Protein backbone atom coordinates (compact mmCIF):
# COMPACT_ATOMS: atom_id res chain seq x y z
CA UNK A 1 0.00 0.00 0.00
CA UNK A 2 1.37 3.38 -0.95
CA UNK A 3 1.91 6.04 1.63
CA UNK A 4 0.43 9.50 1.28
CA UNK A 5 3.89 10.91 0.52
CA UNK A 6 4.62 8.48 -2.29
CA UNK A 7 1.21 8.92 -3.88
CA UNK A 8 1.49 12.68 -3.82
CA UNK A 9 5.03 12.81 -5.12
CA UNK A 10 4.31 10.44 -7.98
CA UNK A 11 1.26 12.33 -9.23
CA UNK A 12 1.51 13.37 -12.87
CA UNK A 13 3.36 16.62 -13.21
CA UNK A 14 1.10 17.90 -15.98
CA UNK A 15 -2.14 17.64 -13.99
CA UNK A 16 -2.54 21.40 -13.68
CA UNK A 17 -1.17 22.23 -17.11
CA UNK A 18 1.59 24.54 -18.35
CA UNK A 19 -0.26 27.65 -17.13
CA UNK A 20 0.40 26.62 -13.54
CA UNK A 21 4.01 25.98 -14.52
CA UNK A 22 4.41 29.58 -15.70
CA UNK A 23 2.95 30.86 -12.42
CA UNK A 24 5.36 28.69 -10.44
CA UNK A 25 8.27 29.92 -12.55
CA UNK A 26 7.15 33.49 -11.86
CA UNK A 27 7.28 32.90 -8.10
CA UNK A 28 10.81 31.57 -8.48
CA UNK A 29 11.85 34.62 -10.50
CA UNK A 30 10.42 36.99 -7.88
CA UNK A 31 12.53 35.25 -5.23
CA UNK A 32 15.66 35.30 -7.41
CA UNK A 33 15.25 39.00 -8.24
CA UNK A 34 16.47 39.87 -4.73
CA UNK A 35 19.59 37.70 -5.03
CA UNK A 36 22.03 40.26 -6.43
CA UNK A 37 21.08 43.10 -4.02
CA UNK A 38 21.22 40.62 -1.13
CA UNK A 39 24.68 39.50 -2.24
CA UNK A 40 25.81 43.14 -2.25
CA UNK A 41 24.59 43.36 1.35
CA UNK A 42 26.59 40.27 2.23
CA UNK A 43 29.77 41.61 0.65
CA UNK A 44 29.76 44.49 3.13
CA UNK A 45 31.19 42.13 5.75
CA UNK A 46 31.82 38.73 4.20
CA UNK A 47 34.34 37.20 1.83
CA UNK A 48 32.88 36.52 -1.65
CA UNK A 49 33.83 32.84 -1.48
CA UNK A 50 32.17 32.54 1.91
CA UNK A 51 28.94 33.88 0.42
CA UNK A 52 29.18 31.78 -2.74
CA UNK A 53 29.91 28.47 -0.99
CA UNK A 54 28.56 29.17 2.49
CA UNK A 55 25.05 29.85 1.28
CA UNK A 56 24.86 26.26 0.00
CA UNK A 57 26.25 24.86 3.25
CA UNK A 58 23.63 26.76 5.25
CA UNK A 59 20.86 25.69 2.86
CA UNK A 60 21.99 22.08 3.26
CA UNK A 61 20.80 22.16 6.87
CA UNK A 62 17.30 23.09 5.68
CA UNK A 63 17.42 20.48 2.92
CA UNK A 64 18.52 17.74 5.31
CA UNK A 65 15.68 18.50 7.72
CA UNK A 66 13.12 18.43 4.90
CA UNK A 67 14.39 15.18 3.39
CA UNK A 68 14.51 13.43 6.77
CA UNK A 69 11.06 14.67 7.77
CA UNK A 70 9.40 13.06 4.74
CA UNK A 71 11.84 10.15 4.48
CA UNK A 72 12.50 11.00 0.84
CA UNK A 73 14.00 8.12 -1.18
CA UNK A 74 17.55 8.56 -2.40
CA UNK A 75 18.30 9.38 -6.06
CA UNK A 76 18.80 6.45 -8.38
CA UNK A 77 22.25 5.74 -9.71
CA UNK A 78 21.25 6.74 -13.24
CA UNK A 79 20.22 10.20 -11.93
CA UNK A 80 23.56 11.01 -10.32
CA UNK A 81 25.10 12.47 -13.49
CA UNK A 82 22.22 14.94 -13.73
CA UNK A 83 22.64 15.86 -10.07
CA UNK A 84 26.35 16.45 -10.67
CA UNK A 85 25.47 19.08 -13.30
CA UNK A 86 22.93 20.70 -10.95
CA UNK A 87 25.55 20.88 -8.20
CA UNK A 88 28.18 22.32 -10.56
CA UNK A 89 25.77 24.90 -11.97
CA UNK A 90 23.46 26.17 -9.24
CA UNK A 91 25.33 25.19 -6.07
CA UNK A 92 28.83 26.29 -7.13
CA UNK A 93 28.89 27.90 -10.59
CA UNK A 94 26.41 30.76 -10.48
CA UNK A 95 26.70 31.62 -6.75
CA UNK A 96 30.50 31.80 -6.73
CA UNK A 97 31.01 33.44 -10.15
CA UNK A 98 28.27 36.05 -9.72
CA UNK A 99 29.52 36.95 -6.24
CA UNK A 100 33.05 37.34 -7.57
CA UNK A 101 31.73 39.56 -10.38
CA UNK A 102 30.11 41.87 -7.82
CA UNK A 103 33.33 41.83 -5.79
CA UNK A 104 35.26 42.79 -8.97
CA UNK A 105 33.29 46.01 -9.32
CA UNK A 106 30.15 45.08 -11.26
CA UNK A 107 27.21 47.00 -9.86
CA UNK A 108 23.96 45.27 -9.00
CA UNK A 109 22.26 47.05 -11.93
CA UNK A 110 25.02 46.08 -14.39
CA UNK A 111 24.88 42.45 -13.26
CA UNK A 112 21.09 42.41 -13.58
CA UNK A 113 21.25 43.43 -17.24
CA UNK A 114 23.87 40.81 -18.14
CA UNK A 115 21.91 38.14 -16.26
CA UNK A 116 18.99 39.10 -18.52
CA UNK A 117 20.57 36.80 -21.09
CA UNK A 118 20.00 33.77 -18.87
CA UNK A 119 16.59 32.79 -20.35
CA UNK A 120 18.05 32.54 -23.85
CA UNK A 121 21.01 30.47 -22.64
CA UNK A 122 18.66 28.19 -20.71
CA UNK A 123 16.58 27.71 -23.85
CA UNK A 124 19.70 26.58 -25.72
CA UNK A 125 20.35 23.96 -23.06
CA UNK A 126 16.69 22.96 -23.24
CA UNK A 127 17.23 22.09 -26.89
CA UNK A 128 20.53 20.30 -26.33
CA UNK A 129 19.53 18.28 -23.27
CA UNK A 130 15.72 18.14 -23.13
CA UNK A 131 14.85 17.71 -26.81
CA UNK A 132 12.75 20.87 -27.07
CA UNK A 133 12.44 22.52 -30.49
CA UNK A 134 11.85 26.29 -30.52
CA UNK A 135 10.93 27.95 -33.80
CA UNK A 136 13.21 30.08 -35.94
CA UNK A 137 11.49 33.22 -34.62
CA UNK A 138 12.41 32.15 -31.10
CA UNK A 139 16.08 31.94 -32.02
CA UNK A 140 16.05 35.27 -33.85
CA UNK A 141 14.59 37.01 -30.81
CA UNK A 142 17.03 35.24 -28.51
CA UNK A 143 19.98 36.24 -30.72
CA UNK A 144 18.82 39.85 -30.65
CA UNK A 145 18.82 39.72 -26.86
CA UNK A 146 22.35 38.31 -26.89
CA UNK A 147 23.50 41.20 -29.09
CA UNK A 148 21.92 43.72 -26.71
CA UNK A 149 23.65 42.24 -23.67
CA UNK A 150 27.00 41.93 -25.45
CA UNK A 151 26.79 45.51 -26.66
CA UNK A 152 25.96 46.74 -23.17
CA UNK A 153 28.94 44.89 -21.70
CA UNK A 154 31.29 46.34 -24.34
CA UNK A 155 30.01 49.89 -23.80
CA UNK A 156 30.48 49.58 -20.06
CA UNK A 157 33.96 48.12 -20.57
CA UNK A 158 35.13 50.89 -22.94
CA UNK A 159 35.30 48.52 -25.90
CA UNK A 160 36.36 45.34 -24.13
CA UNK A 161 34.93 42.86 -21.69
CA UNK A 162 35.87 43.38 -18.07
CA UNK A 163 36.80 40.60 -15.68
CA UNK A 164 33.40 41.06 -14.05
CA UNK A 165 31.64 40.52 -17.40
CA UNK A 166 33.57 37.32 -18.04
CA UNK A 167 32.64 36.06 -14.58
CA UNK A 168 28.99 36.91 -15.21
CA UNK A 169 28.97 35.12 -18.58
CA UNK A 170 30.51 32.07 -16.91
CA UNK A 171 27.80 32.28 -14.26
CA UNK A 172 25.14 32.35 -16.99
CA UNK A 173 26.39 29.22 -18.73
CA UNK A 174 26.79 27.15 -15.57
CA UNK A 175 23.45 28.32 -14.19
CA UNK A 176 21.59 27.51 -17.42
CA UNK A 177 23.08 24.00 -17.41
CA UNK A 178 22.02 23.53 -13.79
CA UNK A 179 18.51 24.80 -14.52
CA UNK A 180 18.09 22.42 -17.44
CA UNK A 181 19.33 19.31 -15.67
CA UNK A 182 17.26 20.17 -12.62
CA UNK A 183 14.15 20.54 -14.77
CA UNK A 184 14.84 17.18 -16.41
CA UNK A 185 15.13 15.56 -12.99
CA UNK A 186 11.94 17.35 -11.91
CA UNK A 187 10.07 15.38 -14.57
CA UNK A 188 10.75 12.31 -12.43
CA UNK A 189 10.57 13.72 -8.89
CA UNK A 190 9.24 16.89 -7.21
CA UNK A 191 11.30 20.04 -7.73
CA UNK A 192 11.87 20.50 -3.99
CA UNK A 193 13.49 17.09 -3.85
CA UNK A 194 15.83 17.88 -6.73
CA UNK A 195 17.38 20.91 -5.04
CA UNK A 196 17.33 19.22 -1.62
CA UNK A 197 19.37 16.24 -2.82
CA UNK A 198 21.69 18.50 -4.86
CA UNK A 199 22.56 20.42 -1.70
CA UNK A 200 23.02 17.28 0.39
CA UNK A 201 25.21 15.66 -2.27
CA UNK A 202 27.41 18.76 -2.35
CA UNK A 203 27.76 18.91 1.45
CA UNK A 204 31.08 16.98 1.61
CA UNK A 205 32.59 19.96 -0.22
CA UNK A 206 30.51 22.94 0.87
CA UNK A 207 30.50 22.27 4.63
CA UNK A 208 34.28 21.83 5.23
CA UNK A 209 35.11 24.67 2.83
CA UNK A 210 32.66 26.94 4.65
CA UNK A 211 34.13 26.05 8.04
CA UNK A 212 37.62 26.83 6.71
CA UNK A 213 36.48 30.16 5.25
CA UNK A 214 34.79 31.13 8.50
CA UNK A 215 38.05 30.47 10.32
CA UNK A 216 40.36 32.27 7.85
CA UNK A 217 38.48 35.24 6.33
CA UNK A 218 37.57 37.19 9.48
CA UNK A 219 33.87 37.75 8.61
CA UNK A 220 32.17 40.86 9.95
CA UNK A 221 28.55 39.90 10.65
CA UNK A 222 26.96 43.32 10.41
CA UNK A 223 23.19 43.57 10.27
CA UNK A 224 23.08 44.04 6.49
CA UNK A 225 25.71 41.36 5.84
CA UNK A 226 23.82 38.87 7.99
CA UNK A 227 20.49 39.72 6.34
CA UNK A 228 21.96 39.41 2.86
CA UNK A 229 23.62 36.06 3.60
CA UNK A 230 20.48 34.70 5.25
CA UNK A 231 18.39 35.58 2.21
CA UNK A 232 20.66 34.01 -0.40
CA UNK A 233 21.04 30.89 1.78
CA UNK A 234 17.37 30.30 2.58
CA UNK A 235 15.66 31.67 -0.51
CA UNK A 236 18.09 31.99 -3.44
CA UNK A 237 19.88 28.70 -2.77
CA UNK A 238 16.89 26.65 -1.67
CA UNK A 239 13.26 27.79 -1.45
CA UNK A 240 13.24 29.54 -4.82
CA UNK A 241 14.02 26.26 -6.55
CA UNK A 242 10.86 24.64 -5.17
CA UNK A 243 8.77 26.71 -7.56
CA UNK A 244 11.38 27.22 -10.28
CA UNK A 245 12.22 23.61 -11.07
CA UNK A 246 8.58 22.57 -10.89
CA UNK A 247 7.65 25.43 -13.23
CA UNK A 248 10.31 24.48 -15.78
CA UNK A 249 9.23 20.85 -15.71
CA UNK A 250 5.53 21.63 -16.12
CA UNK A 251 5.59 24.35 -18.77
CA UNK A 252 8.71 23.28 -20.68
CA UNK A 253 12.25 24.53 -20.17
CA UNK A 254 12.49 26.90 -23.14
CA UNK A 255 9.12 28.58 -22.57
CA UNK A 256 9.09 28.74 -18.77
CA UNK A 257 12.66 30.04 -18.64
CA UNK A 258 11.49 33.13 -20.52
CA UNK A 259 9.50 34.20 -17.46
CA UNK A 260 12.91 35.15 -16.11
CA UNK A 261 12.85 38.07 -18.54
CA UNK A 262 11.23 40.03 -15.72
CA UNK A 263 14.13 39.43 -13.34
CA UNK A 264 16.52 42.15 -14.61
CA UNK A 265 13.78 44.79 -14.40
CA UNK A 266 12.79 43.74 -10.88
CA UNK A 267 16.43 43.59 -9.78
CA UNK A 268 17.01 47.10 -11.15
CA UNK A 269 14.03 48.27 -9.08
CA UNK A 270 15.32 46.60 -5.90
CA UNK A 271 18.84 47.95 -6.56
CA UNK A 272 17.46 51.47 -6.64
CA UNK A 273 15.31 51.01 -3.54
CA UNK A 274 17.63 48.92 -1.36
CA UNK A 275 21.09 50.01 -2.54
CA UNK A 276 20.42 53.55 -3.72
CA UNK A 277 22.02 52.83 -7.11
CA UNK A 278 21.32 55.32 -9.85
CA UNK A 279 19.95 53.65 -12.98
CA UNK A 280 21.35 55.63 -15.91
CA UNK A 281 19.82 55.80 -19.37
CA UNK A 282 22.19 53.22 -20.90
CA UNK A 283 21.42 50.62 -18.26
CA UNK A 284 17.68 51.24 -18.45
CA UNK A 285 17.70 51.10 -22.26
CA UNK A 286 19.67 47.84 -22.25
CA UNK A 287 17.26 46.32 -19.73
CA UNK A 288 14.23 47.31 -21.81
CA UNK A 289 15.85 45.98 -25.00
CA UNK A 290 16.58 42.62 -23.38
CA UNK A 291 13.04 42.57 -21.98
CA UNK A 292 11.53 43.12 -25.43
CA UNK A 293 13.73 40.53 -27.14
CA UNK A 294 13.05 37.81 -24.64
CA UNK A 295 9.34 38.70 -24.50
CA UNK A 296 9.20 37.97 -28.22
CA UNK A 297 10.53 34.47 -27.56
CA UNK A 298 7.53 33.88 -25.29
CA UNK A 299 5.17 34.49 -28.20
CA UNK A 300 6.85 32.03 -30.55
CA UNK A 301 6.27 28.33 -31.00
CA UNK A 302 8.17 25.80 -28.88
CA UNK A 303 7.61 22.09 -29.50
CA UNK A 304 8.11 20.21 -26.25
CA UNK A 305 9.69 16.82 -25.92
CA UNK A 306 7.65 13.98 -24.41
CA UNK A 307 7.47 14.25 -20.63
CA UNK A 308 9.29 11.95 -18.28
CA UNK A 309 8.12 9.24 -15.96
CA UNK A 310 6.11 11.56 -13.71
CA UNK A 311 3.64 12.12 -16.57
CA UNK A 312 2.91 8.47 -17.19
CA UNK A 313 3.50 6.38 -14.08
CA UNK A 314 5.10 6.51 -10.64
CA UNK A 315 8.86 6.65 -10.87
CA UNK A 316 10.91 3.65 -9.78
CA UNK A 317 12.35 5.81 -7.03
CA UNK A 318 8.92 6.48 -5.53
CA UNK A 319 7.87 2.86 -5.91
CA UNK A 320 10.99 1.75 -4.07
CA UNK A 321 10.42 4.41 -1.43
CA UNK A 322 6.88 3.23 -0.82
CA UNK A 323 8.03 -0.38 -0.52
CA UNK A 324 10.49 0.49 2.21
CA UNK A 325 7.69 2.17 4.24
CA UNK A 326 5.06 -0.56 3.95
C-alpha cells in the first residue's frame, strides 16, 4: 500500500497544465530578483567565497531536515550524473562566479542586465539536453537579446569585456546547465526534492570549505551582511528552486525560462530602492531591449519533448520508497 507521501510525489506533473508551470516559474523569478542586491549586502562584511559556498552549506541544513522529515527516497544511480550538473551549476557555478563579479566592481544594476541573457542560454540547453524545439522566430529574438547584452557589456567596458563581465557570462552558462538538468530531474521527482538532494550531495565539499572560510576570512557579521547572507542561503539557494524547477518541468524549459525576462527589471528596481544605485539611461535602455527581445521568444512556438516518468507512471524511485515504508 502506498503512503500519502509516495502517492502525492508520484502524481503526474502535468495535472494542472503549463499555465500553472508559468505561475510557479514566476514565483521563483520573484525570489531570485532579490539575489544580487542581497549578495551586495553580504559583501559588506563577508568574503565573496564565503557567500558563494557558504550559502549552500547553510541551505543544506534546511534540505537535510526536509528530506529526513518526509523520508525521501535517495536518487537512483542513473540520476547522479544529472545531479552532478545541478551541483556544478546552481550550487557552485552561479553563486561563486556572480559573487566574484560583484566583488570585482560590477554594480547590482550592471549584473542584472547581463543576467537578462539567462533565459536565452537556458533555452539553448533545453534544446541540447531536453529535446525541445523552438521555432526560428524564437532563435532570432534570442539572438537579438544576446546582441543587446553583449553591446551593453562592451560599452560599459570601454570597448572590451571586463573581468566582471567574463565572470557573469561564466555564471550564466553554468546556471543555465544547472537549470536544465534540474528541470529534467523534476520530470521524475518533485522540484523540492531535486534541489534538496543537490545540496546534500554537495555537502562533503561545501561544509568543510565553509568552516575553513569562516576560520580564515575574518567575517564581519553586520546587520546588512547577515540579512543578505540569510536571504541568499534560505531563498536563493533553496526555497526559490521549489517553484522554479517545478515550473520548468511543467511548462517546458524553453518557454518557462522566458518568465525570467522580468528578473533584470525587478532587480534594477530593488537595486534602486535597497542600494540607492542610480539607474542611468544606458542601463535602463539595455534592460528594456533585453526585456523586449526575450518577450518575443515567449510568443513564438516551442515544440516540447515527451514528458518523463512523472507524466505516465510513478517513478521507480517512488515505488521503491513506498516499498520500504510498507
